[in-house]
Amino acid sequence: MANLWDRFAAWFTRETVAQRQVKRGAELLDDQSPGWYTLVDLDILDLGSSRKCVLGQVFGYFHIGKDSLNIKLAEPYGFVPETYLMPDTQRTIAWEEEVTKRLAAA
């Protein structure tokens, strides 16, 4: 039986829903628009904005990006905030980490 520390360590290192969604979105972008991460300006990243969100920065506008990727729902890919009423820091942080990681590896 795992002790309390092992349980805590497993919980702490587990990917969040936001991280899984962003990873899925990044993989989709890799397939459809290689090098997409070089187009994302993290200083202006705003998932609530049609032009400053990831798709807006890569494709010019959120809906153009969604259509280009041929997806009906953007949420499973982490492309939209969880609610339009409050800022979504978990997904924003996950996108910042994903872009930063890819730029460092490039």
Protein backbone atom coordinates (compact mmCIF):
# COMPACT_ATOMS: atom_id res chain seq x y z
CA MET A 1 0.00 0.00 0.00
CA ALA A 2 1.35 3.41 -0.96
CA ASN A 3 2.15 5.69 1.90
CA LEU A 4 0.81 9.23 2.16
CA TRP A 5 3.96 10.76 0.64
CA ASP A 6 3.75 8.50 -2.44
CA ARG A 7 0.11 9.47 -2.93
CA PHE A 8 0.94 13.15 -2.61
CA ALA A 9 3.86 12.86 -5.06
CA ALA A 10 1.64 11.05 -7.58
CA TRP A 11 -1.07 13.70 -7.24
CA PHE A 12 1.41 16.57 -7.47
CA THR A 13 3.04 15.31 -10.68
CA ARG A 14 -0.19 14.33 -12.42
CA GLU A 15 -1.08 16.32 -15.51
CA THR A 16 -3.99 18.66 -15.04
CA VAL A 17 -6.96 18.65 -17.39
CA ALA A 18 -5.70 21.94 -18.81
CA GLN A 19 -2.26 20.47 -19.49
CA ARG A 20 -3.75 17.43 -21.25
CA GLN A 21 -6.00 19.63 -23.39
CA VAL A 22 -3.15 21.97 -24.32
CA LYS A 23 -0.91 19.02 -25.16
CA ARG A 24 -3.65 17.68 -27.46
CA GLY A 25 -4.03 21.12 -29.07
CA ALA A 26 -0.27 21.49 -29.55
CA GLU A 27 -0.06 18.07 -31.21
CA LEU A 28 -2.89 19.03 -33.56
CA LEU A 29 -1.10 22.27 -34.43
CA ASP A 30 2.13 20.33 -35.00
CA ASP A 31 0.35 18.22 -37.61
CA GLN A 32 -1.45 21.08 -39.35
CA SER A 33 0.89 24.05 -38.89
CA PRO A 34 4.48 23.04 -38.05
CA GLY A 35 6.42 25.74 -36.20
CA TRP A 36 3.19 27.34 -34.95
CA TYR A 37 4.81 28.14 -31.59
CA THR A 38 7.13 30.70 -33.22
CA LEU A 39 4.04 32.78 -34.08
CA VAL A 40 2.69 32.94 -30.52
CA ASP A 41 3.60 36.07 -28.56
CA LEU A 42 3.27 35.10 -24.91
CA ASP A 43 3.27 38.76 -23.83
CA ILE A 44 -0.14 39.29 -25.43
CA LEU A 45 -1.58 35.76 -25.09
CA ASP A 46 -5.24 36.02 -24.11
CA LEU A 47 -7.45 32.96 -24.55
CA GLY A 48 -10.54 35.15 -24.32
CA SER A 49 -9.54 37.20 -27.37
CA SER A 50 -10.25 36.02 -30.93
CA ARG A 51 -7.03 37.59 -32.17
CA LYS A 52 -4.69 37.19 -29.19
CA CYS A 53 -5.51 33.55 -28.39
CA VAL A 54 -3.30 30.76 -29.74
CA LEU A 55 -5.45 30.20 -32.83
CA GLY A 56 -5.80 33.93 -33.41
CA GLN A 57 -2.06 34.44 -33.33
CA VAL A 58 -1.33 31.46 -35.58
CA PHE A 59 -4.19 31.82 -38.08
CA GLY A 60 -5.19 35.48 -37.68
CA TYR A 61 -8.53 34.85 -36.02
CA PHE A 62 -9.95 32.18 -33.68
CA HIS A 63 -12.67 30.93 -36.05
CA ILE A 64 -10.32 30.79 -39.03
CA GLY A 65 -7.97 28.63 -36.95
CA LYS A 66 -10.79 26.39 -35.79
CA ASP A 67 -11.96 25.92 -39.37
CA SER A 68 -8.40 25.37 -40.62
CA LEU A 69 -7.89 22.64 -38.05
CA ASN A 70 -11.30 21.18 -38.93
CA ILE A 71 -12.49 21.01 -35.32
CA LYS A 72 -16.00 21.69 -34.12
CA LEU A 73 -15.21 22.15 -30.43
CA ALA A 74 -12.10 24.03 -29.36
CA GLU A 75 -12.30 23.28 -25.64
CA PRO A 76 -10.94 19.68 -25.80
CA TYR A 77 -7.80 21.15 -27.35
CA GLY A 78 -7.35 23.91 -24.77
CA PHE A 79 -7.98 26.70 -27.26
CA VAL A 80 -10.64 28.53 -25.21
CA PRO A 81 -10.93 29.70 -21.61
CA GLU A 82 -13.05 27.54 -19.32
CA THR A 83 -15.55 30.36 -18.96
CA TYR A 84 -15.88 33.62 -20.79
CA LEU A 85 -16.61 35.44 -17.54
CA MET A 86 -13.35 34.80 -15.71
CA PRO A 87 -9.74 34.58 -16.85
CA ASP A 88 -8.47 31.03 -17.27
CA THR A 89 -5.05 30.94 -15.71
CA GLN A 90 -4.60 27.15 -15.85
CA ARG A 91 -4.91 26.92 -19.62
CA THR A 92 -2.95 30.12 -20.15
CA ILE A 93 -0.12 28.80 -17.98
CA ALA A 94 -0.25 25.45 -19.81
CA TRP A 95 0.05 27.22 -23.20
CA GLU A 96 2.89 29.39 -21.91
CA GLU A 97 4.74 26.29 -20.72
CA GLU A 98 4.12 24.43 -24.00
CA VAL A 99 5.30 27.31 -26.19
CA THR A 100 8.33 27.98 -23.98
CA LYS A 101 9.31 24.30 -24.01
CA ARG A 102 9.05 24.12 -27.81
CA LEU A 103 11.00 27.35 -28.36
CA ALA A 104 13.78 26.12 -26.06
CA ALA A 105 14.00 22.84 -27.98
CA ALA A 106 14.05 24.53 -31.39
